[in-house]
Amino acid sequence: MARIVHRVLTGLVGLVLLVVGGSVFVMGMGVRPPAWWIHRGRHDVLLSAAERTRWREAGWFWPAVLGALAVLVLLALWWLAATVRRRRLHEVIVDTGDGGTALLRGRALEDVLAADAEQPDGVARAQVRLTGRRGAPRAHVRLLLEPHVDPGAVLGHLTGRALAHARDSARLAALPVEVRLTAVGHRAERVS
């Protein structure tokens, strides 16, 4: 859901910037804008002196405008931080059993889990991505299955063996997982 919202917001912001920038460019080339457009010509300003001083007597107007702009800037910064932050877990804290902890590279655990998930016959490829916190990771597994394989058997192997092995080897109390099963595209078989 967040990915869809992010793409829609990026598309809308891009479209608005493209329309406004394109209109400024076209008006700079000497094209007359339509009567309903914000600017009247190539030497028009964003806010004229009359527009800037029109609300001078109303004490609420400029604080409201500045407050709205501040909220927009904060929302844009929040959106940027959410977009740029690391999504993949780089390390997992492992309890060593003697009261200490060790750090396990997240990529190493992903590779081992993917190799275990690819073992059953009929699994073409497995992709694993760890997210969450270092002490409580979450696994996102995507399995690409051959047409003849039973998805229930593959899912049983993944949860019963591969995830259990990863959870036990990293001494995790729990390893929540989201699994996506996808079929390999194949040609139709001929019947004779």
N, C-alpha and C. Protein backbone atom coordinates (compact mmCIF):
# COMPACT_ATOMS: atom_id res chain seq x y z
N MET A 1 0.82 -1.20 0.00
CA MET A 1 0.00 0.00 0.00
C MET A 1 0.86 1.26 0.00
N ALA A 2 1.90 1.27 0.84
CA ALA A 2 2.77 2.44 0.92
C ALA A 2 3.49 2.67 -0.40
N ARG A 3 3.85 1.59 -1.08
CA ARG A 3 4.53 1.71 -2.37
C ARG A 3 3.60 2.36 -3.39
N ILE A 4 2.32 2.01 -3.37
CA ILE A 4 1.35 2.58 -4.31
C ILE A 4 1.15 4.06 -4.01
N VAL A 5 1.00 4.40 -2.73
CA VAL A 5 0.84 5.81 -2.35
C VAL A 5 2.07 6.61 -2.77
N HIS A 6 3.24 6.03 -2.55
CA HIS A 6 4.48 6.72 -2.93
C HIS A 6 4.54 6.96 -4.44
N ARG A 7 4.18 5.98 -5.22
CA ARG A 7 4.21 6.14 -6.68
C ARG A 7 3.18 7.15 -7.15
N VAL A 8 1.99 7.12 -6.57
CA VAL A 8 0.94 8.08 -6.97
C VAL A 8 1.37 9.51 -6.61
N LEU A 9 1.90 9.71 -5.39
CA LEU A 9 2.34 11.05 -5.00
C LEU A 9 3.50 11.53 -5.87
N THR A 10 4.45 10.65 -6.16
CA THR A 10 5.56 11.04 -7.02
C THR A 10 5.06 11.41 -8.41
N GLY A 11 4.12 10.64 -8.94
CA GLY A 11 3.55 10.94 -10.25
C GLY A 11 2.81 12.26 -10.27
N LEU A 12 2.01 12.54 -9.23
CA LEU A 12 1.26 13.80 -9.17
C LEU A 12 2.19 15.00 -9.05
N VAL A 13 3.20 14.90 -8.18
CA VAL A 13 4.14 16.01 -8.03
C VAL A 13 4.90 16.23 -9.34
N GLY A 14 5.31 15.15 -9.98
CA GLY A 14 6.00 15.27 -11.26
C GLY A 14 5.13 15.89 -12.33
N LEU A 15 3.86 15.51 -12.37
CA LEU A 15 2.93 16.07 -13.36
C LEU A 15 2.71 17.56 -13.13
N VAL A 16 2.52 17.96 -11.87
CA VAL A 16 2.33 19.39 -11.56
C VAL A 16 3.58 20.18 -11.94
N LEU A 17 4.75 19.66 -11.58
CA LEU A 17 5.99 20.37 -11.92
C LEU A 17 6.20 20.44 -13.43
N LEU A 18 5.84 19.40 -14.14
CA LEU A 18 5.98 19.39 -15.60
C LEU A 18 5.05 20.41 -16.24
N VAL A 19 3.80 20.48 -15.78
CA VAL A 19 2.84 21.43 -16.35
C VAL A 19 3.26 22.87 -16.06
N VAL A 20 3.63 23.15 -14.81
CA VAL A 20 4.00 24.52 -14.45
C VAL A 20 5.30 24.91 -15.16
N GLY A 21 6.29 24.04 -15.13
CA GLY A 21 7.56 24.35 -15.80
C GLY A 21 7.40 24.48 -17.30
N GLY A 22 6.58 23.62 -17.90
CA GLY A 22 6.34 23.70 -19.34
C GLY A 22 5.62 24.99 -19.71
N SER A 23 4.67 25.39 -18.87
CA SER A 23 3.95 26.63 -19.18
C SER A 23 4.86 27.85 -19.07
N VAL A 24 5.75 27.86 -18.08
CA VAL A 24 6.70 28.97 -17.95
C VAL A 24 7.62 29.00 -19.16
N PHE A 25 8.08 27.83 -19.60
CA PHE A 25 8.96 27.75 -20.77
C PHE A 25 8.25 28.25 -22.03
N VAL A 26 7.02 27.79 -22.23
CA VAL A 26 6.28 28.18 -23.44
C VAL A 26 5.96 29.67 -23.42
N MET A 27 5.61 30.22 -22.24
CA MET A 27 5.33 31.65 -22.17
C MET A 27 6.60 32.47 -22.37
N GLY A 28 7.74 31.94 -21.97
CA GLY A 28 9.01 32.63 -22.20
C GLY A 28 9.36 32.70 -23.68
N MET A 29 8.80 31.79 -24.46
CA MET A 29 9.04 31.78 -25.91
C MET A 29 8.10 32.75 -26.63
N GLY A 30 7.16 33.36 -25.90
CA GLY A 30 6.30 34.36 -26.50
C GLY A 30 4.88 33.91 -26.78
N VAL A 31 4.50 32.71 -26.38
CA VAL A 31 3.14 32.22 -26.61
C VAL A 31 2.20 32.88 -25.59
N ARG A 32 1.05 33.35 -26.07
CA ARG A 32 0.08 33.98 -25.18
C ARG A 32 -0.64 32.92 -24.37
N PRO A 33 -0.73 33.10 -23.06
CA PRO A 33 -1.42 32.11 -22.23
C PRO A 33 -2.93 32.27 -22.36
N PRO A 34 -3.69 31.24 -21.98
CA PRO A 34 -5.15 31.38 -22.00
C PRO A 34 -5.62 32.39 -20.95
N ALA A 35 -6.84 32.86 -21.08
CA ALA A 35 -7.36 33.91 -20.19
C ALA A 35 -7.46 33.45 -18.74
N TRP A 36 -7.66 32.15 -18.50
CA TRP A 36 -7.84 31.65 -17.14
C TRP A 36 -6.52 31.32 -16.44
N TRP A 37 -5.39 31.45 -17.15
CA TRP A 37 -4.10 31.07 -16.58
C TRP A 37 -3.64 32.08 -15.54
N ILE A 38 -2.79 31.67 -14.62
CA ILE A 38 -2.34 32.49 -13.49
C ILE A 38 -1.55 33.70 -13.98
N HIS A 39 -0.64 33.48 -14.91
CA HIS A 39 0.23 34.56 -15.39
C HIS A 39 -0.31 35.10 -16.71
N ARG A 40 -0.10 36.39 -16.91
CA ARG A 40 -0.64 37.05 -18.09
C ARG A 40 0.37 37.17 -19.22
N GLY A 41 1.64 37.09 -18.93
CA GLY A 41 2.64 37.26 -19.98
C GLY A 41 4.02 36.90 -19.48
N ARG A 42 5.02 37.15 -20.31
CA ARG A 42 6.36 36.71 -19.96
C ARG A 42 7.01 37.58 -18.90
N HIS A 43 6.52 38.77 -18.63
CA HIS A 43 7.10 39.64 -17.60
C HIS A 43 6.22 39.73 -16.37
N ASP A 44 5.26 38.87 -16.24
CA ASP A 44 4.36 38.86 -15.08
C ASP A 44 5.08 38.24 -13.88
N VAL A 45 4.76 38.72 -12.66
CA VAL A 45 5.37 38.19 -11.44
C VAL A 45 4.39 37.25 -10.75
N LEU A 46 4.92 36.46 -9.83
CA LEU A 46 4.08 35.50 -9.13
C LEU A 46 3.04 36.20 -8.25
N LEU A 47 3.47 37.16 -7.43
CA LEU A 47 2.56 37.95 -6.59
C LEU A 47 2.81 39.42 -6.87
N SER A 48 1.80 40.11 -7.34
CA SER A 48 1.95 41.54 -7.60
C SER A 48 1.87 42.29 -6.27
N ALA A 49 2.17 43.59 -6.31
CA ALA A 49 2.11 44.42 -5.09
C ALA A 49 0.70 44.46 -4.54
N ALA A 50 -0.31 44.50 -5.40
CA ALA A 50 -1.70 44.52 -4.93
C ALA A 50 -2.07 43.20 -4.26
N GLU A 51 -1.61 42.09 -4.82
CA GLU A 51 -1.92 40.79 -4.21
C GLU A 51 -1.19 40.61 -2.88
N ARG A 52 0.02 41.14 -2.76
CA ARG A 52 0.77 41.00 -1.51
C ARG A 52 0.18 41.85 -0.40
N THR A 53 -0.35 43.03 -0.71
CA THR A 53 -0.86 43.94 0.32
C THR A 53 -2.36 43.84 0.51
N ARG A 54 -3.03 43.01 -0.26
CA ARG A 54 -4.49 42.89 -0.18
C ARG A 54 -4.95 42.42 1.19
N TRP A 55 -4.24 41.53 1.82
CA TRP A 55 -4.65 40.95 3.10
C TRP A 55 -3.83 41.52 4.27
N ARG A 56 -3.23 42.67 4.09
CA ARG A 56 -2.36 43.24 5.11
C ARG A 56 -3.13 43.54 6.40
N GLU A 57 -4.37 43.98 6.30
CA GLU A 57 -5.15 44.32 7.50
C GLU A 57 -5.60 43.08 8.25
N ALA A 58 -5.75 41.96 7.57
CA ALA A 58 -6.17 40.73 8.24
C ALA A 58 -4.95 40.10 8.90
N GLY A 59 -4.92 40.08 10.21
CA GLY A 59 -3.76 39.60 10.94
C GLY A 59 -3.57 38.10 10.86
N TRP A 60 -4.55 37.39 10.41
CA TRP A 60 -4.46 35.92 10.38
C TRP A 60 -3.89 35.39 9.07
N PHE A 61 -3.90 36.19 8.00
CA PHE A 61 -3.61 35.66 6.67
C PHE A 61 -2.16 35.18 6.52
N TRP A 62 -1.20 36.07 6.77
CA TRP A 62 0.19 35.68 6.54
C TRP A 62 0.67 34.62 7.52
N PRO A 63 0.28 34.65 8.81
CA PRO A 63 0.65 33.51 9.66
C PRO A 63 0.04 32.18 9.16
N ALA A 64 -1.16 32.25 8.63
CA ALA A 64 -1.79 31.04 8.10
C ALA A 64 -1.05 30.53 6.86
N VAL A 65 -0.64 31.45 5.99
CA VAL A 65 0.10 31.05 4.79
C VAL A 65 1.45 30.45 5.18
N LEU A 66 2.16 31.11 6.09
CA LEU A 66 3.46 30.59 6.52
C LEU A 66 3.31 29.26 7.26
N GLY A 67 2.26 29.13 8.07
CA GLY A 67 2.02 27.85 8.75
C GLY A 67 1.73 26.73 7.77
N ALA A 68 0.93 27.00 6.75
CA ALA A 68 0.62 25.99 5.73
C ALA A 68 1.87 25.60 4.96
N LEU A 69 2.70 26.59 4.62
CA LEU A 69 3.94 26.29 3.92
C LEU A 69 4.89 25.48 4.80
N ALA A 70 4.94 25.79 6.10
CA ALA A 70 5.79 25.02 7.02
C ALA A 70 5.31 23.57 7.12
N VAL A 71 4.01 23.37 7.17
CA VAL A 71 3.46 22.01 7.20
C VAL A 71 3.80 21.27 5.91
N LEU A 72 3.70 21.94 4.78
CA LEU A 72 4.06 21.31 3.51
C LEU A 72 5.54 20.93 3.46
N VAL A 73 6.41 21.81 3.98
CA VAL A 73 7.84 21.49 4.00
C VAL A 73 8.11 20.30 4.92
N LEU A 74 7.47 20.26 6.09
CA LEU A 74 7.65 19.14 7.01
C LEU A 74 7.14 17.83 6.40
N LEU A 75 6.01 17.88 5.71
CA LEU A 75 5.50 16.67 5.04
C LEU A 75 6.44 16.22 3.93
N ALA A 76 7.00 17.16 3.19
CA ALA A 76 7.94 16.81 2.13
C ALA A 76 9.21 16.19 2.72
N LEU A 77 9.70 16.72 3.83
CA LEU A 77 10.88 16.16 4.48
C LEU A 77 10.60 14.77 5.03
N TRP A 78 9.42 14.57 5.62
CA TRP A 78 9.03 13.25 6.11
C TRP A 78 8.95 12.25 4.97
N TRP A 79 8.38 12.67 3.86
CA TRP A 79 8.26 11.80 2.69
C TRP A 79 9.65 11.45 2.15
N LEU A 80 10.54 12.43 2.11
CA LEU A 80 11.90 12.18 1.65
C LEU A 80 12.63 11.20 2.58
N ALA A 81 12.48 11.39 3.89
CA ALA A 81 13.13 10.48 4.84
C ALA A 81 12.56 9.07 4.72
N ALA A 82 11.26 8.94 4.52
CA ALA A 82 10.66 7.62 4.37
C ALA A 82 11.09 6.96 3.07
N THR A 83 11.34 7.73 2.05
CA THR A 83 11.76 7.18 0.77
C THR A 83 13.22 6.75 0.79
N VAL A 84 14.06 7.52 1.46
CA VAL A 84 15.50 7.29 1.42
C VAL A 84 15.95 6.25 2.44
N ARG A 85 15.18 6.04 3.49
CA ARG A 85 15.65 5.15 4.55
C ARG A 85 15.89 3.74 4.02
N ARG A 86 16.80 3.06 4.69
CA ARG A 86 17.16 1.71 4.27
C ARG A 86 16.02 0.76 4.55
N ARG A 87 15.67 -0.02 3.58
CA ARG A 87 14.58 -0.96 3.75
C ARG A 87 15.09 -2.35 4.14
N ARG A 88 16.29 -2.67 3.74
CA ARG A 88 16.85 -4.00 4.00
C ARG A 88 17.59 -3.98 5.33
N LEU A 89 17.44 -5.08 6.07
CA LEU A 89 18.12 -5.21 7.36
C LEU A 89 19.56 -5.65 7.11
N HIS A 90 20.52 -4.88 7.61
CA HIS A 90 21.93 -5.14 7.32
C HIS A 90 22.58 -6.11 8.31
N GLU A 91 22.06 -6.18 9.52
CA GLU A 91 22.62 -7.09 10.49
C GLU A 91 21.55 -7.53 11.49
N VAL A 92 21.77 -8.73 12.03
CA VAL A 92 20.83 -9.33 12.99
C VAL A 92 21.61 -9.63 14.26
N ILE A 93 21.03 -9.30 15.40
CA ILE A 93 21.66 -9.59 16.68
C ILE A 93 21.38 -11.05 17.03
N VAL A 94 22.45 -11.80 17.31
CA VAL A 94 22.34 -13.22 17.65
C VAL A 94 22.78 -13.40 19.09
N ASP A 95 21.95 -14.09 19.89
CA ASP A 95 22.30 -14.42 21.26
C ASP A 95 23.30 -15.57 21.23
N THR A 96 24.48 -15.37 21.82
CA THR A 96 25.52 -16.40 21.78
C THR A 96 25.31 -17.49 22.82
N GLY A 97 24.41 -17.32 23.75
CA GLY A 97 24.14 -18.33 24.75
C GLY A 97 24.89 -18.14 26.04
N ASP A 98 25.93 -17.33 26.05
CA ASP A 98 26.71 -17.10 27.27
C ASP A 98 26.46 -15.70 27.83
N GLY A 99 25.34 -15.12 27.47
CA GLY A 99 25.01 -13.78 27.95
C GLY A 99 25.47 -12.68 27.01
N GLY A 100 26.22 -13.02 26.01
CA GLY A 100 26.70 -12.03 25.05
C GLY A 100 25.90 -12.09 23.76
N THR A 101 26.22 -11.18 22.86
CA THR A 101 25.55 -11.15 21.56
C THR A 101 26.60 -11.03 20.47
N ALA A 102 26.20 -11.44 19.29
CA ALA A 102 27.05 -11.30 18.10
C ALA A 102 26.20 -10.70 17.00
N LEU A 103 26.86 -10.16 16.01
CA LEU A 103 26.15 -9.59 14.87
C LEU A 103 26.31 -10.51 13.67
N LEU A 104 25.20 -10.85 13.06
CA LEU A 104 25.18 -11.68 11.86
C LEU A 104 24.78 -10.80 10.69
N ARG A 105 25.53 -10.86 9.62
CA ARG A 105 25.19 -10.06 8.45
C ARG A 105 23.83 -10.50 7.91
N GLY A 106 22.98 -9.54 7.66
CA GLY A 106 21.64 -9.84 7.15
C GLY A 106 21.69 -10.51 5.79
N ARG A 107 22.63 -10.10 4.95
CA ARG A 107 22.76 -10.68 3.61
C ARG A 107 23.13 -12.16 3.70
N ALA A 108 23.97 -12.53 4.69
CA ALA A 108 24.35 -13.94 4.85
C ALA A 108 23.13 -14.78 5.24
N LEU A 109 22.32 -14.27 6.16
CA LEU A 109 21.11 -15.01 6.55
C LEU A 109 20.13 -15.09 5.38
N GLU A 110 20.03 -14.04 4.60
CA GLU A 110 19.17 -14.07 3.42
C GLU A 110 19.63 -15.12 2.42
N ASP A 111 20.94 -15.19 2.18
CA ASP A 111 21.48 -16.16 1.22
C ASP A 111 21.25 -17.60 1.67
N VAL A 112 21.47 -17.88 2.97
CA VAL A 112 21.26 -19.23 3.49
C VAL A 112 19.79 -19.60 3.43
N LEU A 113 18.93 -18.69 3.79
CA LEU A 113 17.49 -18.96 3.74
C LEU A 113 17.03 -19.18 2.31
N ALA A 114 17.55 -18.41 1.36
CA ALA A 114 17.19 -18.59 -0.05
C ALA A 114 17.70 -19.93 -0.56
N ALA A 115 18.91 -20.33 -0.17
CA ALA A 115 19.44 -21.63 -0.60
C ALA A 115 18.61 -22.78 -0.03
N ASP A 116 18.19 -22.68 1.23
CA ASP A 116 17.33 -23.71 1.81
C ASP A 116 15.97 -23.75 1.13
N ALA A 117 15.45 -22.59 0.78
CA ALA A 117 14.11 -22.55 0.15
C ALA A 117 14.15 -23.09 -1.27
N GLU A 118 15.30 -23.05 -1.95
CA GLU A 118 15.41 -23.54 -3.33
C GLU A 118 15.64 -25.04 -3.42
N GLN A 119 15.84 -25.74 -2.29
CA GLN A 119 16.16 -27.16 -2.31
C GLN A 119 15.07 -28.06 -2.89
N PRO A 120 13.80 -27.85 -2.58
CA PRO A 120 12.80 -28.78 -3.13
C PRO A 120 12.75 -28.74 -4.65
N ASP A 121 12.43 -29.87 -5.22
CA ASP A 121 12.28 -29.96 -6.68
C ASP A 121 11.10 -29.10 -7.11
N GLY A 122 11.30 -28.29 -8.12
CA GLY A 122 10.23 -27.46 -8.65
C GLY A 122 10.33 -26.00 -8.27
N VAL A 123 11.27 -25.66 -7.38
CA VAL A 123 11.48 -24.25 -7.03
C VAL A 123 12.57 -23.72 -7.95
N ALA A 124 12.19 -22.83 -8.85
CA ALA A 124 13.15 -22.29 -9.82
C ALA A 124 14.09 -21.28 -9.17
N ARG A 125 13.54 -20.42 -8.31
CA ARG A 125 14.36 -19.39 -7.68
C ARG A 125 13.68 -18.92 -6.42
N ALA A 126 14.48 -18.55 -5.44
CA ALA A 126 13.97 -18.00 -4.19
C ALA A 126 14.70 -16.69 -3.91
N GLN A 127 13.94 -15.68 -3.55
CA GLN A 127 14.50 -14.38 -3.17
C GLN A 127 14.05 -14.08 -1.75
N VAL A 128 14.98 -13.69 -0.90
CA VAL A 128 14.69 -13.40 0.50
C VAL A 128 15.20 -12.00 0.82
N ARG A 129 14.38 -11.26 1.55
CA ARG A 129 14.77 -9.92 2.01
C ARG A 129 14.37 -9.80 3.47
N LEU A 130 15.31 -9.40 4.31
CA LEU A 130 15.04 -9.21 5.73
C LEU A 130 14.75 -7.74 6.00
N THR A 131 13.71 -7.49 6.77
CA THR A 131 13.36 -6.14 7.19
C THR A 131 13.12 -6.17 8.69
N GLY A 132 12.75 -5.06 9.24
CA GLY A 132 12.44 -4.99 10.67
C GLY A 132 13.61 -4.44 11.46
N ARG A 133 13.66 -4.84 12.74
CA ARG A 133 14.73 -4.39 13.63
C ARG A 133 15.78 -5.48 13.76
N ARG A 134 16.95 -5.09 14.25
CA ARG A 134 18.05 -6.06 14.38
C ARG A 134 17.71 -7.18 15.34
N GLY A 135 16.95 -6.90 16.37
CA GLY A 135 16.60 -7.93 17.35
C GLY A 135 15.34 -8.69 16.98
N ALA A 136 14.56 -8.18 16.05
CA ALA A 136 13.30 -8.81 15.65
C ALA A 136 13.14 -8.69 14.14
N PRO A 137 13.88 -9.49 13.38
CA PRO A 137 13.78 -9.38 11.91
C PRO A 137 12.50 -10.01 11.38
N ARG A 138 12.13 -9.59 10.18
CA ARG A 138 11.00 -10.16 9.44
C ARG A 138 11.54 -10.57 8.08
N ALA A 139 11.07 -11.70 7.58
CA ALA A 139 11.54 -12.20 6.29
C ALA A 139 10.44 -12.03 5.25
N HIS A 140 10.83 -11.60 4.06
CA HIS A 140 9.95 -11.51 2.91
C HIS A 140 10.53 -12.45 1.86
N VAL A 141 9.79 -13.51 1.56
CA VAL A 141 10.30 -14.56 0.67
C VAL A 141 9.45 -14.57 -0.59
N ARG A 142 10.11 -14.63 -1.72
CA ARG A 142 9.42 -14.75 -3.01
C ARG A 142 9.94 -16.00 -3.69
N LEU A 143 9.03 -16.94 -3.97
CA LEU A 143 9.40 -18.21 -4.59
C LEU A 143 8.86 -18.27 -6.00
N LEU A 144 9.71 -18.61 -6.93
CA LEU A 144 9.32 -18.79 -8.33
C LEU A 144 9.20 -20.29 -8.56
N LEU A 145 7.98 -20.76 -8.83
CA LEU A 145 7.69 -22.20 -8.89
C LEU A 145 7.50 -22.67 -10.32
N GLU A 146 7.95 -23.89 -10.57
CA GLU A 146 7.70 -24.57 -11.84
C GLU A 146 6.22 -24.94 -11.91
N PRO A 147 5.68 -25.18 -13.11
CA PRO A 147 4.24 -25.45 -13.24
C PRO A 147 3.79 -26.75 -12.58
N HIS A 148 4.66 -27.73 -12.47
CA HIS A 148 4.24 -29.04 -11.96
C HIS A 148 4.30 -29.17 -10.45
N VAL A 149 4.81 -28.20 -9.73
CA VAL A 149 5.05 -28.34 -8.30
C VAL A 149 3.79 -28.05 -7.49
N ASP A 150 3.68 -28.72 -6.34
CA ASP A 150 2.58 -28.51 -5.42
C ASP A 150 2.95 -27.35 -4.48
N PRO A 151 2.24 -26.23 -4.53
CA PRO A 151 2.61 -25.09 -3.69
C PRO A 151 2.54 -25.41 -2.19
N GLY A 152 1.61 -26.27 -1.80
CA GLY A 152 1.50 -26.63 -0.38
C GLY A 152 2.73 -27.35 0.12
N ALA A 153 3.29 -28.24 -0.69
CA ALA A 153 4.50 -28.96 -0.28
C ALA A 153 5.68 -28.02 -0.17
N VAL A 154 5.80 -27.10 -1.11
CA VAL A 154 6.90 -26.14 -1.07
C VAL A 154 6.76 -25.23 0.14
N LEU A 155 5.54 -24.78 0.41
CA LEU A 155 5.30 -23.92 1.57
C LEU A 155 5.56 -24.69 2.87
N GLY A 156 5.19 -25.96 2.91
CA GLY A 156 5.48 -26.79 4.08
C GLY A 156 6.98 -26.94 4.31
N HIS A 157 7.73 -27.14 3.24
CA HIS A 157 9.18 -27.23 3.36
C HIS A 157 9.78 -25.91 3.84
N LEU A 158 9.27 -24.82 3.32
CA LEU A 158 9.80 -23.51 3.70
C LEU A 158 9.57 -23.25 5.18
N THR A 159 8.34 -23.47 5.65
CA THR A 159 8.05 -23.16 7.05
C THR A 159 8.59 -24.22 8.00
N GLY A 160 8.55 -25.49 7.59
CA GLY A 160 8.97 -26.55 8.47
C GLY A 160 10.47 -26.76 8.55
N ARG A 161 11.16 -26.45 7.47
CA ARG A 161 12.60 -26.74 7.46
C ARG A 161 13.45 -25.48 7.32
N ALA A 162 13.24 -24.72 6.25
CA ALA A 162 14.13 -23.58 5.96
C ALA A 162 14.01 -22.49 7.02
N LEU A 163 12.78 -22.08 7.32
CA LEU A 163 12.61 -21.02 8.32
C LEU A 163 12.98 -21.49 9.71
N ALA A 164 12.65 -22.73 10.03
CA ALA A 164 13.02 -23.27 11.34
C ALA A 164 14.54 -23.34 11.49
N HIS A 165 15.22 -23.74 10.43
CA HIS A 165 16.68 -23.80 10.45
C HIS A 165 17.29 -22.41 10.64
N ALA A 166 16.77 -21.43 9.91
CA ALA A 166 17.27 -20.05 10.04
C ALA A 166 16.97 -19.49 11.43
N ARG A 167 15.78 -19.75 11.94
CA ARG A 167 15.40 -19.25 13.26
C ARG A 167 16.25 -19.89 14.36
N ASP A 168 16.48 -21.21 14.25
CA ASP A 168 17.28 -21.90 15.27
C ASP A 168 18.75 -21.51 15.20
N SER A 169 19.29 -21.37 13.99
CA SER A 169 20.71 -21.04 13.87
C SER A 169 21.01 -19.62 14.34
N ALA A 170 20.07 -18.71 14.18
CA ALA A 170 20.27 -17.33 14.64
C ALA A 170 19.72 -17.11 16.04
N ARG A 171 19.18 -18.19 16.66
CA ARG A 171 18.60 -18.14 18.01
C ARG A 171 17.57 -17.02 18.14
N LEU A 172 16.67 -16.96 17.19
CA LEU A 172 15.60 -15.97 17.21
C LEU A 172 14.37 -16.59 17.87
N ALA A 173 13.67 -15.81 18.68
CA ALA A 173 12.45 -16.30 19.30
C ALA A 173 11.38 -16.53 18.24
N ALA A 174 11.32 -15.65 17.26
CA ALA A 174 10.34 -15.77 16.18
C ALA A 174 10.93 -15.15 14.92
N LEU A 175 10.51 -15.66 13.80
CA LEU A 175 10.91 -15.10 12.51
C LEU A 175 9.66 -15.02 11.63
N PRO A 176 8.89 -13.92 11.77
CA PRO A 176 7.69 -13.78 10.94
C PRO A 176 8.07 -13.71 9.46
N VAL A 177 7.22 -14.25 8.62
CA VAL A 177 7.55 -14.32 7.20
C VAL A 177 6.33 -13.98 6.36
N GLU A 178 6.59 -13.33 5.25
CA GLU A 178 5.57 -13.09 4.22
C GLU A 178 6.06 -13.79 2.97
N VAL A 179 5.26 -14.72 2.46
CA VAL A 179 5.67 -15.53 1.32
C VAL A 179 4.82 -15.17 0.12
N ARG A 180 5.47 -14.97 -1.01
CA ARG A 180 4.77 -14.75 -2.29
C ARG A 180 5.18 -15.86 -3.24
N LEU A 181 4.20 -16.56 -3.74
CA LEU A 181 4.44 -17.65 -4.68
C LEU A 181 4.08 -17.18 -6.07
N THR A 182 5.01 -17.37 -7.00
CA THR A 182 4.81 -16.96 -8.39
C THR A 182 5.15 -18.14 -9.28
N ALA A 183 4.36 -18.34 -10.32
CA ALA A 183 4.60 -19.44 -11.26
C ALA A 183 5.49 -18.98 -12.40
N VAL A 184 6.34 -19.88 -12.85
CA VAL A 184 7.20 -19.61 -14.00
C VAL A 184 6.33 -19.64 -15.25
N GLY A 185 6.53 -18.67 -16.13
CA GLY A 185 5.80 -18.69 -17.39
C GLY A 185 6.27 -19.86 -18.26
N HIS A 186 5.35 -20.54 -18.91
CA HIS A 186 5.72 -21.68 -19.73
C HIS A 186 4.80 -21.77 -20.92
N ARG A 187 5.23 -22.49 -21.94
CA ARG A 187 4.40 -22.68 -23.12
C ARG A 187 3.34 -23.73 -22.84
N ALA A 188 2.28 -23.65 -23.60
CA ALA A 188 1.23 -24.66 -23.48
C ALA A 188 1.76 -26.00 -24.00
N GLU A 189 1.36 -27.08 -23.31
CA GLU A 189 1.81 -28.40 -23.73
C GLU A 189 0.91 -28.92 -24.83
N ARG A 190 1.53 -29.64 -25.76
CA ARG A 190 0.76 -30.19 -26.89
C ARG A 190 0.16 -31.52 -26.46
N VAL A 191 -1.05 -31.71 -26.86
CA VAL A 191 -1.72 -32.97 -26.60
C VAL A 191 -1.82 -33.70 -27.94
N SER A 192 -1.40 -34.98 -27.93
CA SER A 192 -1.45 -35.72 -29.19
C SER A 192 -2.41 -36.89 -29.10
